[in-house]
Amino acid sequence: MADYLKSDSKELKKVDMLVSNIEIADKITDENIERAKKANDRVAYLKEKMYYPKTVDDIFLNEDTNIFDIEGAKIQKSKLLAQSRSGTPVILTMTENGIRHEFTDKLPISNFPLKPSDDEDAPVVIIEFPIDSPPYGLYTAGTDPYRQGQAKYSNSLGSIYIYKRMHSLTGEKYQDMLVAYYTARPEKKEKWEEQARLLTKYYNARNLCENDEISFIEHMKAKGDARYLEPQPQWLKTVVPNSTVNREYGVHRSADKVINFLHSRLKKYTEEVILEEKDKEGNVIRQIKGMSRILDPMLLEEMIQYNEDGNFDRIVAAELAITQAMEMDPIYGKVSEQKDSRNASLGKVTKYKGKLFEHSSRGMNIKTKSKLFL
């Protein structure tokens, strides 16, 4: 103790102590984390970060219930916030000429979980506006309506995501990504249902809805728009062979097997390698995974905080949209420019010409599944 305190005290010289070496400790921790990461041992990786935390967030990681790539979601969210990259907040309205968007000063909800001060009457957010007269099958939607009247659902939000599938449309390069979303809980539930309905029609999307709460499905039927609702999918019989649930539209999430199946689709989507760069010797020097296609910071935050007990409405809606697209891909393939009779109901919509990502080339050998990230 005397040496540590630079003291001549005879009493302190009798006291032995251990002194931390921060530099060596960081080196050992970093090496252990990197070793677990390379071994693809997710549990060991999370335990190393939790037991030897370098940030406050590391302390609260959970290796038991969070199946998502927490580190990847954190990195992507930080990039979005650093670049101030966000979509365009709008309010959708139906006019005699079809659906129109109106720009608004309202902002999307930015906290998870909700805080009492949050304005739950949030707007629709557009990342990429729909193309002119979108062909049937180009866009899918996933919808998780919110419930009212029970305390356990008091923090539940209604959420819908629009997903743009692969296609062969001339001049269009954005695909396989979420391009719009609406997550809110306005005072009147009918307002949320109407915005979700208009968003579905705006993109001419095939909407796979969570049907444990049927008010949105009933709203779509009452408005004469049941044709946008996806019938109960055939894959449910494979996932839950003995299920007796038989509903006209959507998916029930009452069975753990269904929940796990949907989670696995979102997990696969975010962890898929979409771009790979190699040096001249063929060694991989850089990879970009599907997490980089998620452009909603609050969806990323839900993935970071995910556990089996909370309400994760954005996750449910996003994975429904992605699952619907994945089921359609091998059956329908790429969407062509052929017109569909349902397009007439949409009217003319604005085509967004902005770029989400700058085009660049680094002179590397690149192996990629998508041109979006070049």
Protein backbone atom coordinates (compact mmCIF):
# COMPACT_ATOMS: atom_id res chain seq x y z
CA MET A 1 0.00 0.00 0.00
CA ALA A 2 2.90 2.36 0.80
CA ASP A 3 4.40 1.88 -2.67
CA TYR A 4 1.03 2.52 -4.34
CA LEU A 5 0.43 5.69 -2.32
CA LYS A 6 4.10 6.72 -2.47
CA SER A 7 4.27 6.89 1.29
CA ASP A 8 7.01 6.16 3.84
CA SER A 9 4.48 4.89 6.39
CA LYS A 10 5.74 1.76 8.13
CA GLU A 11 2.14 0.65 8.79
CA LEU A 12 1.19 0.92 5.10
CA LYS A 13 4.25 -1.09 4.14
CA LYS A 14 2.77 -4.01 6.08
CA VAL A 15 -0.38 -4.01 3.92
CA ASP A 16 -0.20 -6.10 0.76
CA MET A 17 -2.51 -5.21 -2.15
CA LEU A 18 -3.19 -6.11 -5.75
CA VAL A 19 -3.10 -3.34 -8.35
CA SER A 20 -5.03 -3.43 -11.60
CA ASN A 21 -3.19 -3.01 -14.87
CA ILE A 22 -5.82 -1.38 -17.10
CA GLU A 23 -3.76 -1.73 -20.27
CA ILE A 24 -3.19 -5.47 -19.83
CA ALA A 25 -6.79 -6.03 -18.67
CA ASP A 26 -8.18 -4.33 -21.80
CA LYS A 27 -5.83 -6.34 -23.99
CA ILE A 28 -6.92 -9.66 -22.45
CA THR A 29 -10.62 -8.72 -22.64
CA ASP A 30 -10.36 -7.64 -26.28
CA GLU A 31 -8.53 -10.83 -27.20
CA ASN A 32 -11.14 -13.02 -25.47
CA ILE A 33 -14.02 -11.17 -27.13
CA GLU A 34 -12.41 -11.45 -30.55
CA ARG A 35 -11.72 -15.16 -30.00
CA ALA A 36 -15.37 -15.83 -29.12
CA LYS A 37 -16.53 -13.78 -32.09
CA LYS A 38 -14.36 -15.72 -34.55
CA ALA A 39 -15.55 -18.99 -33.05
CA ASN A 40 -19.18 -17.93 -33.66
CA ASP A 41 -19.88 -18.72 -30.02
CA ARG A 42 -22.55 -16.14 -29.30
CA VAL A 43 -23.13 -17.10 -25.66
CA ALA A 44 -19.40 -16.99 -24.84
CA TYR A 45 -19.15 -13.67 -26.66
CA LEU A 46 -22.01 -12.09 -24.68
CA LYS A 47 -20.78 -13.50 -21.38
CA GLU A 48 -17.32 -12.06 -21.95
CA LYS A 49 -18.83 -8.62 -22.57
CA MET A 50 -21.19 -8.90 -19.58
CA TYR A 51 -18.69 -10.25 -17.04
CA TYR A 52 -15.91 -7.89 -18.12
CA PRO A 53 -17.89 -4.83 -19.26
CA LYS A 54 -16.16 -1.93 -20.97
CA THR A 55 -19.36 0.13 -21.25
CA VAL A 56 -22.49 0.47 -19.12
CA ASP A 57 -24.59 -1.14 -21.89
CA ASP A 58 -22.46 -4.29 -21.73
CA ILE A 59 -23.63 -4.93 -18.17
CA PHE A 60 -27.25 -5.34 -19.27
CA LEU A 61 -26.76 -7.79 -22.13
CA ASN A 62 -28.73 -11.02 -21.88
CA GLU A 63 -27.45 -14.23 -23.41
CA ASP A 64 -30.58 -16.26 -22.60
CA THR A 65 -33.42 -14.49 -24.44
CA ASN A 66 -31.91 -12.20 -27.05
CA ILE A 67 -31.30 -14.09 -30.27
CA PHE A 68 -30.39 -11.05 -32.36
CA ASP A 69 -26.99 -9.63 -33.23
CA ILE A 70 -26.84 -7.00 -30.49
CA GLU A 71 -23.44 -5.64 -31.47
CA GLY A 72 -24.44 -5.35 -35.13
CA ALA A 73 -27.66 -3.53 -34.22
CA LYS A 74 -25.75 -1.10 -32.00
CA ILE A 75 -23.24 -0.32 -34.75
CA GLN A 76 -25.97 0.27 -37.33
CA LYS A 77 -28.01 2.47 -34.98
CA SER A 78 -24.93 4.56 -34.17
CA LYS A 79 -24.27 5.04 -37.89
CA LEU A 80 -27.83 6.20 -38.52
CA LEU A 81 -27.74 8.68 -35.64
CA ALA A 82 -24.27 9.96 -36.53
CA GLN A 83 -25.31 10.58 -40.13
CA SER A 84 -28.70 12.02 -39.07
CA ARG A 85 -30.18 9.59 -41.58
CA SER A 86 -33.90 9.34 -41.24
CA GLY A 87 -36.93 9.01 -43.45
CA THR A 88 -39.56 11.58 -44.33
CA PRO A 89 -42.44 12.01 -41.84
CA VAL A 90 -45.80 12.25 -43.63
CA ILE A 91 -49.53 12.00 -43.06
CA LEU A 92 -51.46 10.00 -45.64
CA THR A 93 -54.84 11.17 -46.93
CA MET A 94 -57.36 9.84 -49.42
CA THR A 95 -58.40 12.32 -52.13
CA GLU A 96 -60.54 12.04 -55.23
CA ASN A 97 -57.30 11.49 -57.18
CA GLY A 98 -56.05 8.73 -54.92
CA ILE A 99 -53.78 8.55 -51.88
CA ARG A 100 -51.57 11.56 -51.26
CA HIS A 101 -48.87 12.28 -48.68
CA GLU A 102 -48.62 15.53 -46.75
CA PHE A 103 -45.36 16.49 -45.09
CA THR A 104 -45.56 17.06 -41.35
CA ASP A 105 -43.48 18.47 -38.50
CA LYS A 106 -44.47 15.53 -36.32
CA LEU A 107 -41.60 13.21 -35.42
CA PRO A 108 -41.52 9.43 -34.98
CA ILE A 109 -41.30 8.00 -31.47
CA SER A 110 -37.67 8.03 -30.38
CA ASN A 111 -37.71 6.14 -27.07
CA PHE A 112 -38.01 2.49 -26.23
CA PRO A 113 -39.71 1.72 -23.96
CA LEU A 114 -42.08 4.66 -24.19
CA LYS A 115 -41.68 7.58 -21.83
CA PRO A 116 -44.70 9.47 -20.41
CA SER A 117 -43.60 12.57 -22.28
CA ASP A 118 -43.57 10.85 -25.70
CA ASP A 119 -46.13 11.90 -28.30
CA GLU A 120 -47.67 8.57 -29.27
CA ASP A 121 -49.55 10.11 -32.21
CA ALA A 122 -46.53 9.67 -34.50
CA PRO A 123 -46.45 10.02 -38.30
CA VAL A 124 -45.83 7.58 -41.10
CA VAL A 125 -42.13 7.54 -42.06
CA ILE A 126 -41.13 7.06 -45.70
CA ILE A 127 -37.61 5.89 -46.51
CA GLU A 128 -38.33 5.40 -50.21
CA PHE A 129 -41.61 6.51 -51.77
CA PRO A 130 -43.49 3.94 -53.89
CA ILE A 131 -42.85 3.77 -57.61
CA ASP A 132 -45.57 4.85 -60.03
CA SER A 133 -48.39 2.29 -60.11
CA PRO A 134 -46.50 -0.36 -58.11
CA PRO A 135 -47.12 -3.87 -59.50
CA TYR A 136 -48.81 -6.39 -57.25
CA GLY A 137 -46.18 -8.37 -55.37
CA LEU A 138 -43.41 -5.77 -55.44
CA TYR A 139 -44.18 -4.65 -51.88
CA THR A 140 -45.16 -6.66 -48.82
CA ALA A 141 -46.40 -5.39 -45.49
CA GLY A 142 -46.29 -6.72 -41.94
CA THR A 143 -48.77 -5.42 -39.38
CA ASP A 144 -48.96 -5.77 -35.62
CA PRO A 145 -52.07 -3.92 -34.36
CA TYR A 146 -52.20 -2.80 -30.75
CA ARG A 147 -54.65 -3.85 -28.11
CA GLN A 148 -56.59 -1.69 -25.72
CA GLY A 149 -58.25 -2.25 -22.38
CA GLN A 150 -55.63 -4.41 -20.63
CA ALA A 151 -52.83 -3.12 -18.42
CA LYS A 152 -50.21 -5.44 -19.90
CA TYR A 153 -50.75 -3.83 -23.31
CA SER A 154 -50.61 -0.24 -22.05
CA ASN A 155 -47.19 0.31 -23.65
CA SER A 156 -48.06 -1.61 -26.82
CA LEU A 157 -47.87 0.28 -30.11
CA GLY A 158 -49.44 -0.41 -33.46
CA SER A 159 -46.74 -1.05 -36.04
CA ILE A 160 -46.65 -1.68 -39.80
CA TYR A 161 -43.63 -1.99 -42.10
CA ILE A 162 -43.49 -1.94 -45.89
CA TYR A 163 -40.87 -4.17 -47.53
CA LYS A 164 -39.70 -3.86 -51.14
CA ARG A 165 -39.00 -7.22 -52.74
CA MET A 166 -36.51 -8.12 -55.45
CA HIS A 167 -37.56 -6.97 -58.89
CA SER A 168 -36.50 -6.33 -62.47
CA LEU A 169 -38.00 -2.88 -62.89
CA THR A 170 -36.03 -0.63 -65.22
CA GLY A 171 -34.07 2.04 -63.36
CA GLU A 172 -35.01 0.74 -59.92
CA LYS A 173 -32.17 -0.53 -57.73
CA TYR A 174 -33.62 -0.45 -54.20
CA GLN A 175 -34.82 -3.87 -53.17
CA ASP A 176 -34.92 -6.41 -50.34
CA MET A 177 -35.32 -3.78 -47.66
CA LEU A 178 -37.87 -2.02 -45.46
CA VAL A 179 -38.86 1.23 -47.18
CA ALA A 180 -41.59 2.67 -44.92
CA TYR A 181 -43.06 2.24 -41.47
CA TYR A 182 -45.72 3.53 -39.12
CA THR A 183 -45.45 2.93 -35.37
CA ALA A 184 -47.83 4.87 -33.16
CA ARG A 185 -50.69 4.78 -30.67
CA PRO A 186 -53.02 7.73 -31.32
CA GLU A 187 -55.86 8.44 -28.90
CA LYS A 188 -58.38 7.01 -31.34
CA LYS A 189 -57.46 3.57 -32.60
CA GLU A 190 -59.44 4.18 -35.79
CA LYS A 191 -56.86 6.82 -36.76
CA TRP A 192 -54.03 4.28 -36.56
CA GLU A 193 -56.04 1.72 -38.49
CA GLU A 194 -56.80 4.22 -41.26
CA GLN A 195 -53.17 5.33 -41.64
CA ALA A 196 -52.09 1.67 -41.73
CA ARG A 197 -54.76 0.95 -44.35
CA LEU A 198 -53.71 3.87 -46.54
CA LEU A 199 -50.04 2.92 -46.22
CA THR A 200 -50.86 -0.61 -47.42
CA LYS A 201 -52.80 0.75 -50.41
CA TYR A 202 -50.18 3.43 -51.12
CA TYR A 203 -47.63 0.69 -51.85
CA ASN A 204 -50.15 -1.85 -53.20
CA ALA A 205 -48.68 -4.22 -50.61
CA ARG A 206 -49.60 -7.78 -49.68
CA ASN A 207 -50.22 -7.38 -45.97
CA LEU A 208 -49.49 -10.25 -43.58
CA CYS A 209 -51.19 -9.23 -40.34
CA GLU A 210 -50.90 -10.57 -36.81
CA ASN A 211 -54.48 -11.73 -36.16
CA ASP A 212 -54.61 -12.20 -32.39
CA GLU A 213 -56.21 -8.74 -32.45
CA ILE A 214 -58.62 -8.55 -35.37
CA SER A 215 -59.79 -4.92 -35.35
CA PHE A 216 -57.41 -3.90 -38.17
CA ILE A 217 -58.53 -6.85 -40.28
CA GLU A 218 -62.16 -5.87 -39.66
CA HIS A 219 -61.33 -2.25 -40.58
CA MET A 220 -59.79 -3.36 -43.89
CA LYS A 221 -62.82 -5.53 -44.65
CA ALA A 222 -65.25 -2.74 -43.77
CA LYS A 223 -63.43 -0.37 -46.15
CA GLY A 224 -63.59 -2.90 -48.98
CA ASP A 225 -59.83 -3.55 -48.91
CA ALA A 226 -59.72 -7.17 -47.77
CA ARG A 227 -57.96 -8.02 -51.05
CA TYR A 228 -54.76 -6.51 -49.61
CA LEU A 229 -54.83 -8.90 -46.64
CA GLU A 230 -52.79 -12.07 -46.95
CA PRO A 231 -54.83 -15.21 -46.16
CA GLN A 232 -53.65 -17.49 -43.38
CA PRO A 233 -50.36 -18.77 -44.85
CA GLN A 234 -49.72 -22.40 -45.75
CA TRP A 235 -46.40 -22.46 -43.88
CA LEU A 236 -48.32 -22.41 -40.59
CA LYS A 237 -49.28 -26.05 -41.20
CA THR A 238 -45.61 -26.94 -41.51
CA VAL A 239 -44.51 -24.98 -38.46
CA VAL A 240 -47.43 -26.12 -36.26
CA PRO A 241 -48.79 -29.32 -37.91
CA ASN A 242 -51.35 -30.05 -35.21
CA SER A 243 -52.72 -26.53 -34.85
CA THR A 244 -56.51 -26.21 -34.85
CA VAL A 245 -56.39 -22.45 -35.42
CA ASN A 246 -58.13 -21.62 -38.68
CA ARG A 247 -58.56 -17.95 -39.44
CA GLU A 248 -59.34 -16.27 -42.73
CA TYR A 249 -56.48 -13.77 -42.72
CA GLY A 250 -53.06 -13.35 -41.13
CA VAL A 251 -50.98 -15.18 -38.57
CA HIS A 252 -51.58 -16.05 -34.94
CA ARG A 253 -48.58 -15.92 -32.61
CA SER A 254 -50.03 -17.99 -29.78
CA ALA A 255 -47.60 -20.88 -30.36
CA ASP A 256 -43.91 -20.67 -29.46
CA LYS A 257 -43.04 -22.45 -32.71
CA VAL A 258 -44.64 -19.64 -34.72
CA ILE A 259 -42.84 -16.98 -32.70
CA ASN A 260 -39.50 -18.75 -33.12
CA PHE A 261 -40.09 -19.23 -36.85
CA LEU A 262 -40.77 -15.52 -37.39
CA HIS A 263 -37.80 -14.49 -35.25
CA SER A 264 -35.56 -16.79 -37.27
CA ARG A 265 -36.59 -14.99 -40.48
CA LEU A 266 -35.62 -11.56 -39.11
CA LYS A 267 -32.41 -13.01 -37.67
CA LYS A 268 -31.51 -14.58 -41.02
CA TYR A 269 -32.24 -11.32 -42.85
CA THR A 270 -30.05 -9.20 -40.56
CA GLU A 271 -27.13 -11.66 -40.42
CA GLU A 272 -26.98 -12.53 -44.12
CA VAL A 273 -23.73 -11.42 -45.80
CA ILE A 274 -24.74 -9.07 -48.61
CA LEU A 275 -21.34 -7.70 -49.55
CA GLU A 276 -17.87 -9.14 -49.25
CA GLU A 277 -14.55 -7.53 -50.16
CA LYS A 278 -11.39 -9.53 -50.74
CA ASP A 279 -7.76 -8.59 -51.27
CA LYS A 280 -5.68 -9.75 -54.22
CA GLU A 281 -4.91 -13.01 -52.46
CA GLY A 282 -8.61 -13.78 -52.01
CA ASN A 283 -8.68 -13.13 -48.27
CA VAL A 284 -11.88 -11.60 -46.94
CA ILE A 285 -11.07 -8.14 -45.57
CA ARG A 286 -14.55 -6.72 -45.11
CA GLN A 287 -18.12 -7.95 -44.84
CA ILE A 288 -21.40 -6.09 -44.79
CA LYS A 289 -24.39 -7.93 -43.34
CA GLY A 290 -28.10 -7.46 -43.68
CA MET A 291 -28.31 -5.40 -40.51
CA SER A 292 -27.05 -2.46 -42.59
CA ARG A 293 -30.36 -2.54 -44.52
CA ILE A 294 -32.35 -1.64 -41.39
CA LEU A 295 -32.90 2.13 -41.49
CA ASP A 296 -35.27 2.52 -38.53
CA PRO A 297 -33.22 3.22 -35.37
CA MET A 298 -36.09 2.20 -33.09
CA LEU A 299 -36.40 -1.22 -34.72
CA LEU A 300 -32.69 -1.63 -34.07
CA GLU A 301 -33.22 -0.55 -30.45
CA GLU A 302 -35.93 -3.17 -29.99
CA MET A 303 -33.53 -5.80 -31.30
CA ILE A 304 -30.87 -4.61 -28.85
CA GLN A 305 -33.24 -4.79 -25.89
CA TYR A 306 -35.21 -7.86 -26.94
CA ASN A 307 -36.31 -10.38 -24.31
CA GLU A 308 -39.13 -12.89 -24.08
CA ASP A 309 -41.34 -10.87 -21.71
CA GLY A 310 -41.72 -7.38 -23.23
CA ASN A 311 -43.77 -5.84 -26.04
CA PHE A 312 -41.65 -5.63 -29.20
CA ASP A 313 -44.19 -4.43 -31.73
CA ARG A 314 -41.71 -3.21 -34.35
CA ILE A 315 -39.96 -6.57 -34.38
CA VAL A 316 -43.24 -8.41 -34.91
CA ALA A 317 -44.35 -6.16 -37.79
CA ALA A 318 -40.94 -6.16 -39.50
CA GLU A 319 -40.52 -9.92 -39.37
CA LEU A 320 -44.03 -10.45 -40.76
CA ALA A 321 -43.21 -8.24 -43.77
CA ILE A 322 -39.86 -9.98 -44.30
CA THR A 323 -41.39 -13.45 -43.90
CA GLN A 324 -44.08 -12.67 -46.47
CA ALA A 325 -41.38 -11.56 -48.91
CA MET A 326 -39.24 -14.65 -48.26
CA GLU A 327 -42.21 -16.92 -48.89
CA MET A 328 -42.99 -15.16 -52.16
CA ASP A 329 -39.44 -15.04 -53.54
CA PRO A 330 -39.04 -18.71 -54.59
CA ILE A 331 -42.62 -18.89 -55.90
CA TYR A 332 -42.96 -15.64 -57.81
CA GLY A 333 -39.33 -14.70 -58.42
CA LYS A 334 -38.56 -11.16 -59.45
CA VAL A 335 -41.42 -8.75 -60.04
CA SER A 336 -41.71 -7.58 -63.64
CA GLU A 337 -43.14 -4.35 -65.02
CA GLN A 338 -46.38 -6.05 -65.98
CA LYS A 339 -49.41 -4.08 -64.80
CA ASP A 340 -51.89 -5.41 -62.26
CA SER A 341 -55.60 -4.58 -62.18
CA ARG A 342 -55.38 -3.60 -58.50
CA ASN A 343 -53.12 -0.66 -59.34
CA ALA A 344 -56.05 1.39 -60.57
CA SER A 345 -57.32 1.87 -57.02
CA LEU A 346 -54.12 3.58 -55.93
CA GLY A 347 -54.14 6.65 -58.15
CA LYS A 348 -50.95 8.40 -59.06
CA VAL A 349 -48.21 8.57 -56.40
CA THR A 350 -45.00 10.55 -56.16
CA LYS A 351 -41.84 8.75 -57.20
CA TYR A 352 -38.95 9.35 -54.85
CA LYS A 353 -35.69 9.97 -56.71
CA GLY A 354 -33.32 10.46 -53.77
CA LYS A 355 -30.37 8.19 -53.06
CA LEU A 356 -30.03 6.26 -49.84
CA PHE A 357 -26.43 5.28 -50.40
CA GLU A 358 -23.64 6.88 -52.40
CA HIS A 359 -22.05 4.81 -55.18
CA SER A 360 -18.39 4.16 -54.68
CA SER A 361 -15.65 1.76 -55.69
CA ARG A 362 -12.59 0.87 -53.68
CA GLY A 363 -10.82 -1.24 -56.28
CA MET A 364 -11.38 -4.45 -54.33
CA ASN A 365 -12.70 -7.80 -55.45
CA ILE A 366 -16.34 -7.65 -54.40
CA LYS A 367 -18.79 -10.47 -54.00
CA THR A 368 -22.30 -9.17 -53.38
CA LYS A 369 -25.93 -10.16 -53.50
CA SER A 370 -27.20 -6.61 -53.87
CA LYS A 371 -26.11 -3.54 -55.80
CA LEU A 372 -27.61 -1.27 -53.19
CA PHE A 373 -24.50 -1.20 -51.02
CA LEU A 374 -21.80 -0.77 -53.69
